[in-house]
Structure formats: C-alpha cells, structure tokens
C-alpha cells in the first residue's frame, strides 16, 4: 500500500512565498487523494502495491493496459508531489552546490539563464502540469509535462520539479503564475536537488 509521506517541515515553513493554507490543502487533501485513488485502483494487485512508487512508474509499460491511465494519473501525482515536498524547504541556499551548479552552467551557460529557461517552460505549460529539471543520458534537460504525467515513465530522472497546477498557488497568487514561480525560487532546497542529482547519476552508472 502507498502512504502519504509526512512533510519534512511545518505547513507554515515556506511563508511568505507559499502560504500555510495552500500547503495544508495541497498536502493533506490533494496529495492524499492521489495516494488513496492509487491504492483503490490497484486493489488486488499486490505485486504492484508492494512496489515503491518510483519502481512502479519505471515498469509503467508492463502494467496491464486497463490500469495504465490510473497509474499515470494517481501514481504520477503521488510521485510528483513526493519529490515536490522534498526539493523545498525554509531558508535554503540561494544557489546550488558547486557540483550541480557546474552542470547547470555547462548546459545552460549560467544559473540565471537556467532559471529563465525553467520559468519560461513553466509559463508555457497550458493548463495544469509540471516543469522539470531531469537527467537524460547523464545530461540535464528542462521539460514540462501535462497533468500529473511523471518523467519517470519515459525513463527520465527528475531532480527538480515545480507544480504549476492552479491549486498549488491560487489562494495567494490567483492567476499570477509568473509571480508564484518567481517566489518559489526562494524555497528551492538545493541540498536535496544535489542529493537527487548524485542518486540519479549513480543509478545511471548501474543501468
């Protein structure tokens, strides 16, 4: 069975950038619903229910066809949000460590350019979805996905993700997605992104 992971900080910890009530509803209502719906969808499929969420998404194409859409939506929602809580935190560093910063500069010319490209990708996502920094063939890449689609399904390794569904920001920012994204940069936990990068590179070597 899949379970809702606890936040590694209080609901109020990301104020004033992300408000307490949004965090409370987003985590305890929206994320919880994805977990519950995923468990309900896979009832009786113990071999799938016993997997870690990342492992479930990795074998997406082997899952019975009649379950794939539910796993894409509910499993993706669970995986995406689990990573989202992890890569945020109160009073984080303003820039990545030297390791990930070096890779960002190599790929995007500068950290500023990277932030601009990431923000633009988030702004270009029509309707609901996510914007990601992923590792593909050991290289960094920015992409965005619709709804709760997870890059993991396509063999990509996400190390940074931003939820651009309106429920992630509407209470404070209404329809001002650009303002929300600009504020979000203040809570990115680069230490966790760095850890995710190292984990992804290590898995790539073992693949």
C-alpha atoms as a PDB file:
ATOM      1  CA  UNK A   1       0.000   0.000   0.000  1.00  0.00           C
ATOM      2  CA  UNK A   2       1.150   3.508  -0.765  1.00  0.00           C
ATOM      3  CA  UNK A   3       1.133   6.091   2.024  1.00  0.00           C
ATOM      4  CA  UNK A   4       1.213   9.867   2.265  1.00  0.00           C
ATOM      5  CA  UNK A   5       4.748  10.936   3.218  1.00  0.00           C
ATOM      6  CA  UNK A   6       4.936  13.494   6.039  1.00  0.00           C
ATOM      7  CA  UNK A   7       6.236  16.927   5.164  1.00  0.00           C
ATOM      8  CA  UNK A   8       9.825  17.467   6.337  1.00  0.00           C
ATOM      9  CA  UNK A   9       8.760  20.870   7.704  1.00  0.00           C
ATOM     10  CA  UNK A  10       5.651  22.626   9.055  1.00  0.00           C
ATOM     11  CA  UNK A  11       2.870  23.787   6.761  1.00  0.00           C
ATOM     12  CA  UNK A  12       3.825  27.360   7.620  1.00  0.00           C
ATOM     13  CA  UNK A  13       7.550  26.893   6.980  1.00  0.00           C
ATOM     14  CA  UNK A  14       7.540  28.270   3.417  1.00  0.00           C
ATOM     15  CA  UNK A  15       5.833  31.556   4.284  1.00  0.00           C
ATOM     16  CA  UNK A  16       5.643  34.170   2.845  1.00  0.00           C
ATOM     17  CA  UNK A  17       6.438  32.534  -0.504  1.00  0.00           C
ATOM     18  CA  UNK A  18       3.925  29.686  -0.249  1.00  0.00           C
ATOM     19  CA  UNK A  19       1.146  30.243   2.259  1.00  0.00           C
ATOM     20  CA  UNK A  20       0.231  27.901   5.094  1.00  0.00           C
ATOM     21  CA  UNK A  21      -3.303  27.102   3.937  1.00  0.00           C
ATOM     22  CA  UNK A  22      -2.168  26.226   0.417  1.00  0.00           C
ATOM     23  CA  UNK A  23       0.439  23.861   1.844  1.00  0.00           C
ATOM     24  CA  UNK A  24      -2.085  22.266   4.184  1.00  0.00           C
ATOM     25  CA  UNK A  25      -4.694  21.697   1.458  1.00  0.00           C
ATOM     26  CA  UNK A  26      -2.131  20.693  -1.172  1.00  0.00           C
ATOM     27  CA  UNK A  27      -0.505  18.061   1.037  1.00  0.00           C
ATOM     28  CA  UNK A  28      -3.363  16.718   3.184  1.00  0.00           C
ATOM     29  CA  UNK A  29      -6.114  16.894   0.539  1.00  0.00           C
ATOM     30  CA  UNK A  30      -4.687  16.834  -2.992  1.00  0.00           C
ATOM     31  CA  UNK A  31      -1.704  14.552  -2.393  1.00  0.00           C
ATOM     32  CA  UNK A  32      -3.696  12.320  -0.072  1.00  0.00           C
ATOM     33  CA  UNK A  33      -6.350  11.893  -2.768  1.00  0.00           C
ATOM     34  CA  UNK A  34      -3.741  10.673  -5.257  1.00  0.00           C
ATOM     35  CA  UNK A  35      -2.479   8.125  -2.739  1.00  0.00           C
ATOM     36  CA  UNK A  36      -5.962   6.874  -1.878  1.00  0.00           C
ATOM     37  CA  UNK A  37      -7.051   6.665  -5.509  1.00  0.00           C
ATOM     38  CA  UNK A  38      -3.872   4.828  -6.466  1.00  0.00           C
ATOM     39  CA  UNK A  39      -4.415   2.256  -3.715  1.00  0.00           C
ATOM     40  CA  UNK A  40      -8.064   1.833  -4.721  1.00  0.00           C
ATOM     41  CA  UNK A  41      -7.130   1.454  -8.395  1.00  0.00           C
ATOM     42  CA  UNK A  42      -4.593  -1.280  -7.647  1.00  0.00           C
ATOM     43  CA  UNK A  43      -6.725  -3.199  -5.156  1.00  0.00           C
ATOM     44  CA  UNK A  44      -5.949  -6.885  -5.529  1.00  0.00           C
ATOM     45  CA  UNK A  45      -2.714  -6.171  -7.425  1.00  0.00           C
ATOM     46  CA  UNK A  46      -0.384  -6.938  -4.520  1.00  0.00           C
ATOM     47  CA  UNK A  47       2.669  -7.227  -6.763  1.00  0.00           C
ATOM     48  CA  UNK A  48       2.151  -3.596  -7.784  1.00  0.00           C
ATOM     49  CA  UNK A  49       1.006  -2.285  -4.400  1.00  0.00           C
ATOM     50  CA  UNK A  50       4.189  -3.592  -2.782  1.00  0.00           C
ATOM     51  CA  UNK A  51       6.475  -1.592  -5.075  1.00  0.00           C
ATOM     52  CA  UNK A  52       7.994   1.793  -4.279  1.00  0.00           C
ATOM     53  CA  UNK A  53       6.266   4.489  -6.326  1.00  0.00           C
ATOM     54  CA  UNK A  54       9.361   5.148  -8.467  1.00  0.00           C
ATOM     55  CA  UNK A  55       9.688   1.446  -9.238  1.00  0.00           C
ATOM     56  CA  UNK A  56       6.003   1.282 -10.169  1.00  0.00           C
ATOM     57  CA  UNK A  57       6.390   4.101 -12.683  1.00  0.00           C
ATOM     58  CA  UNK A  58       9.555   2.576 -14.116  1.00  0.00           C
ATOM     59  CA  UNK A  59       7.598  -0.524 -15.186  1.00  0.00           C
ATOM     60  CA  UNK A  60       4.639   1.517 -16.457  1.00  0.00           C
ATOM     61  CA  UNK A  61       4.610  -0.138 -19.901  1.00  0.00           C
ATOM     62  CA  UNK A  62       4.419  -3.586 -18.290  1.00  0.00           C
ATOM     63  CA  UNK A  63       1.367  -2.687 -16.209  1.00  0.00           C
ATOM     64  CA  UNK A  64      -1.963  -4.062 -17.521  1.00  0.00           C
ATOM     65  CA  UNK A  65      -3.438  -1.707 -20.114  1.00  0.00           C
ATOM     66  CA  UNK A  66      -6.649  -1.174 -18.159  1.00  0.00           C
ATOM     67  CA  UNK A  67      -4.634   0.169 -15.186  1.00  0.00           C
ATOM     68  CA  UNK A  68      -2.141   2.340 -17.027  1.00  0.00           C
ATOM     69  CA  UNK A  69      -4.204   5.527 -17.162  1.00  0.00           C
ATOM     70  CA  UNK A  70      -4.926   5.382 -13.421  1.00  0.00           C
ATOM     71  CA  UNK A  71      -1.272   4.721 -12.610  1.00  0.00           C
ATOM     72  CA  UNK A  72      -0.271   7.614 -14.885  1.00  0.00           C
ATOM     73  CA  UNK A  73      -2.654   9.984 -13.106  1.00  0.00           C
ATOM     74  CA  UNK A  74      -2.649   8.807  -9.498  1.00  0.00           C
ATOM     75  CA  UNK A  75       0.814   7.233  -9.391  1.00  0.00           C
ATOM     76  CA  UNK A  76       2.267  10.214 -11.204  1.00  0.00           C
ATOM     77  CA  UNK A  77       0.523  12.565  -8.792  1.00  0.00           C
ATOM     78  CA  UNK A  78       1.920  10.670  -5.822  1.00  0.00           C
ATOM     79  CA  UNK A  79       5.479  10.570  -7.192  1.00  0.00           C
ATOM     80  CA  UNK A  80       5.449  14.171  -8.373  1.00  0.00           C
ATOM     81  CA  UNK A  81       4.256  15.561  -5.064  1.00  0.00           C
ATOM     82  CA  UNK A  82       6.606  13.377  -3.032  1.00  0.00           C
ATOM     83  CA  UNK A  83       9.530  14.911  -4.904  1.00  0.00           C
ATOM     84  CA  UNK A  84       7.992  18.414  -4.735  1.00  0.00           C
ATOM     85  CA  UNK A  85       7.902  18.453  -0.925  1.00  0.00           C
ATOM     86  CA  UNK A  86      11.443  17.151  -0.783  1.00  0.00           C
ATOM     87  CA  UNK A  87      13.001  19.816  -3.008  1.00  0.00           C
ATOM     88  CA  UNK A  88      11.576  22.714  -0.996  1.00  0.00           C
ATOM     89  CA  UNK A  89      12.491  23.969   2.435  1.00  0.00           C
ATOM     90  CA  UNK A  90      12.704  27.027   4.681  1.00  0.00           C
ATOM     91  CA  UNK A  91      15.737  29.320   4.383  1.00  0.00           C
ATOM     92  CA  UNK A  92      17.621  27.300   1.751  1.00  0.00           C
ATOM     93  CA  UNK A  93      20.762  28.339  -0.080  1.00  0.00           C
ATOM     94  CA  UNK A  94      20.152  30.722  -2.968  1.00  0.00           C
ATOM     95  CA  UNK A  95      22.249  28.688  -5.411  1.00  0.00           C
ATOM     96  CA  UNK A  96      23.162  25.020  -5.909  1.00  0.00           C
ATOM     97  CA  UNK A  97      26.364  23.458  -4.659  1.00  0.00           C
ATOM     98  CA  UNK A  98      29.425  23.535  -6.883  1.00  0.00           C
ATOM     99  CA  UNK A  99      28.677  20.088  -8.340  1.00  0.00           C
ATOM    100  CA  UNK A 100      25.187  20.768  -9.709  1.00  0.00           C
ATOM    101  CA  UNK A 101      25.987  24.426 -10.413  1.00  0.00           C
ATOM    102  CA  UNK A 102      28.859  23.321 -12.636  1.00  0.00           C
ATOM    103  CA  UNK A 103      26.494  21.062 -14.609  1.00  0.00           C
ATOM    104  CA  UNK A 104      23.890  23.821 -14.869  1.00  0.00           C
ATOM    105  CA  UNK A 105      26.468  26.295 -16.166  1.00  0.00           C
ATOM    106  CA  UNK A 106      27.776  23.734 -18.644  1.00  0.00           C
ATOM    107  CA  UNK A 107      24.299  23.081 -20.045  1.00  0.00           C
ATOM    108  CA  UNK A 108      22.576  26.465 -19.730  1.00  0.00           C
ATOM    109  CA  UNK A 109      25.593  28.847 -19.825  1.00  0.00           C
ATOM    110  CA  UNK A 110      24.713  30.390 -16.428  1.00  0.00           C
ATOM    111  CA  UNK A 111      22.482  29.881 -13.411  1.00  0.00           C
ATOM    112  CA  UNK A 112      20.464  32.943 -14.415  1.00  0.00           C
ATOM    113  CA  UNK A 113      19.855  31.520 -17.894  1.00  0.00           C
ATOM    114  CA  UNK A 114      18.786  28.227 -16.332  1.00  0.00           C
ATOM    115  CA  UNK A 115      16.266  29.974 -14.081  1.00  0.00           C
ATOM    116  CA  UNK A 116      14.877  31.932 -17.019  1.00  0.00           C
ATOM    117  CA  UNK A 117      14.504  28.821 -19.197  1.00  0.00           C
ATOM    118  CA  UNK A 118      12.901  26.871 -16.354  1.00  0.00           C
ATOM    119  CA  UNK A 119      10.485  29.709 -15.612  1.00  0.00           C
ATOM    120  CA  UNK A 120       9.610  30.119 -19.290  1.00  0.00           C
ATOM    121  CA  UNK A 121       8.916  26.391 -19.550  1.00  0.00           C
ATOM    122  CA  UNK A 122       6.568  26.630 -16.586  1.00  0.00           C
ATOM    123  CA  UNK A 123       4.797  29.614 -18.099  1.00  0.00           C
ATOM    124  CA  UNK A 124       4.403  27.867 -21.451  1.00  0.00           C
ATOM    125  CA  UNK A 125       2.631  24.849 -19.964  1.00  0.00           C
ATOM    126  CA  UNK A 126      -1.004  25.415 -20.947  1.00  0.00           C
ATOM    127  CA  UNK A 127      -3.446  24.465 -18.213  1.00  0.00           C
ATOM    128  CA  UNK A 128      -2.285  22.121 -15.462  1.00  0.00           C
ATOM    129  CA  UNK A 129       1.067  20.388 -15.281  1.00  0.00           C
ATOM    130  CA  UNK A 130       4.658  20.453 -14.081  1.00  0.00           C
ATOM    131  CA  UNK A 131       8.022  21.830 -15.157  1.00  0.00           C
ATOM    132  CA  UNK A 132      11.108  19.700 -14.538  1.00  0.00           C
ATOM    133  CA  UNK A 133      14.863  19.561 -14.496  1.00  0.00           C
ATOM    134  CA  UNK A 134      15.662  15.988 -15.467  1.00  0.00           C
ATOM    135  CA  UNK A 135      18.662  13.871 -16.313  1.00  0.00           C
ATOM    136  CA  UNK A 136      18.599  12.227 -19.738  1.00  0.00           C
ATOM    137  CA  UNK A 137      21.660  10.277 -20.848  1.00  0.00           C
ATOM    138  CA  UNK A 138      23.564  11.817 -17.919  1.00  0.00           C
ATOM    139  CA  UNK A 139      22.787  15.339 -19.156  1.00  0.00           C
ATOM    140  CA  UNK A 140      20.477  17.989 -17.708  1.00  0.00           C
ATOM    141  CA  UNK A 141      17.333  18.949 -19.575  1.00  0.00           C
ATOM    142  CA  UNK A 142      14.328  21.183 -18.865  1.00  0.00           C
ATOM    143  CA  UNK A 143      10.900  19.956 -19.881  1.00  0.00           C
ATOM    144  CA  UNK A 144       7.269  20.294 -18.869  1.00  0.00           C
ATOM    145  CA  UNK A 145       4.531  17.695 -18.683  1.00  0.00           C
ATOM    146  CA  UNK A 146       0.720  17.869 -18.654  1.00  0.00           C
ATOM    147  CA  UNK A 147      -1.484  16.978 -15.706  1.00  0.00           C
ATOM    148  CA  UNK A 148       0.309  14.511 -13.384  1.00  0.00           C
ATOM    149  CA  UNK A 149       2.480  12.822 -16.017  1.00  0.00           C
ATOM    150  CA  UNK A 150       5.802  11.829 -14.497  1.00  0.00           C
ATOM    151  CA  UNK A 151       9.116  11.963 -16.401  1.00  0.00           C
ATOM    152  CA  UNK A 152       9.960   8.638 -14.765  1.00  0.00           C
ATOM    153  CA  UNK A 153       7.509   6.893 -17.095  1.00  0.00           C
ATOM    154  CA  UNK A 154       9.696   7.963 -20.034  1.00  0.00           C
ATOM    155  CA  UNK A 155      12.935   6.868 -18.411  1.00  0.00           C
ATOM    156  CA  UNK A 156      13.941  10.375 -17.347  1.00  0.00           C
ATOM    157  CA  UNK A 157      15.242  11.106 -13.852  1.00  0.00           C
ATOM    158  CA  UNK A 158      13.685  14.245 -12.282  1.00  0.00           C
ATOM    159  CA  UNK A 159      15.812  16.143  -9.776  1.00  0.00           C
ATOM    160  CA  UNK A 160      13.770  19.355  -9.597  1.00  0.00           C
ATOM    161  CA  UNK A 161      10.059  19.796 -10.203  1.00  0.00           C
ATOM    162  CA  UNK A 162       7.569  22.637  -9.920  1.00  0.00           C
ATOM    163  CA  UNK A 163       3.812  22.127  -9.698  1.00  0.00           C
ATOM    164  CA  UNK A 164       2.036  24.664 -11.924  1.00  0.00           C
ATOM    165  CA  UNK A 165      -1.491  23.417 -11.271  1.00  0.00           C
ATOM    166  CA  UNK A 166      -3.565  26.348 -10.002  1.00  0.00           C
ATOM    167  CA  UNK A 167      -4.253  24.559  -6.707  1.00  0.00           C
ATOM    168  CA  UNK A 168      -0.533  24.984  -5.933  1.00  0.00           C
ATOM    169  CA  UNK A 169      -0.757  28.763  -5.861  1.00  0.00           C
ATOM    170  CA  UNK A 170      -4.270  30.132  -6.372  1.00  0.00           C
ATOM    171  CA  UNK A 171      -5.051  31.139  -2.773  1.00  0.00           C
ATOM    172  CA  UNK A 172      -2.178  33.609  -2.690  1.00  0.00           C
ATOM    173  CA  UNK A 173      -1.375  34.355  -6.315  1.00  0.00           C
ATOM    174  CA  UNK A 174      -4.733  33.769  -8.073  1.00  0.00           C
ATOM    175  CA  UNK A 175      -3.930  33.619 -11.803  1.00  0.00           C
ATOM    176  CA  UNK A 176      -0.450  35.177 -11.424  1.00  0.00           C
ATOM    177  CA  UNK A 177       1.615  32.095 -12.229  1.00  0.00           C
ATOM    178  CA  UNK A 178       4.739  34.130 -13.036  1.00  0.00           C
ATOM    179  CA  UNK A 179       4.655  35.702  -9.573  1.00  0.00           C
ATOM    180  CA  UNK A 180       4.273  32.278  -7.977  1.00  0.00           C
ATOM    181  CA  UNK A 181       7.227  30.849  -9.897  1.00  0.00           C
ATOM    182  CA  UNK A 182       9.362  33.858  -9.016  1.00  0.00           C
ATOM    183  CA  UNK A 183       8.527  33.379  -5.323  1.00  0.00           C
ATOM    184  CA  UNK A 184       9.125  29.622  -5.486  1.00  0.00           C
ATOM    185  CA  UNK A 185      12.803  30.080  -6.308  1.00  0.00           C
ATOM    186  CA  UNK A 186      13.208  31.333  -2.725  1.00  0.00           C
ATOM    187  CA  UNK A 187      12.276  27.950  -1.245  1.00  0.00           C
ATOM    188  CA  UNK A 188      14.157  25.540  -3.523  1.00  0.00           C
ATOM    189  CA  UNK A 189      16.213  23.227  -1.323  1.00  0.00           C
ATOM    190  CA  UNK A 190      19.370  22.936  -3.422  1.00  0.00           C
ATOM    191  CA  UNK A 191      20.952  20.491  -0.994  1.00  0.00           C
ATOM    192  CA  UNK A 192      18.187  17.994  -1.796  1.00  0.00           C
ATOM    193  CA  UNK A 193      18.465  18.701  -5.519  1.00  0.00           C
ATOM    194  CA  UNK A 194      22.167  17.985  -5.235  1.00  0.00           C
ATOM    195  CA  UNK A 195      21.420  14.714  -3.438  1.00  0.00           C
ATOM    196  CA  UNK A 196      18.887  13.725  -6.097  1.00  0.00           C
ATOM    197  CA  UNK A 197      21.424  14.522  -8.810  1.00  0.00           C
ATOM    198  CA  UNK A 198      24.046  12.293  -7.198  1.00  0.00           C
ATOM    199  CA  UNK A 199      21.497   9.486  -6.757  1.00  0.00           C
ATOM    200  CA  UNK A 200      20.390   9.772 -10.384  1.00  0.00           C
ATOM    201  CA  UNK A 201      23.949   9.708 -11.724  1.00  0.00           C
ATOM    202  CA  UNK A 202      24.750   6.691  -9.556  1.00  0.00           C
ATOM    203  CA  UNK A 203      21.668   4.842 -10.868  1.00  0.00           C
ATOM    204  CA  UNK A 204      22.663   5.749 -14.437  1.00  0.00           C
ATOM    205  CA  UNK A 205      26.008   4.027 -13.949  1.00  0.00           C
ATOM    206  CA  UNK A 206      24.215   0.905 -12.722  1.00  0.00           C
ATOM    207  CA  UNK A 207      21.642   0.831 -15.540  1.00  0.00           C
END
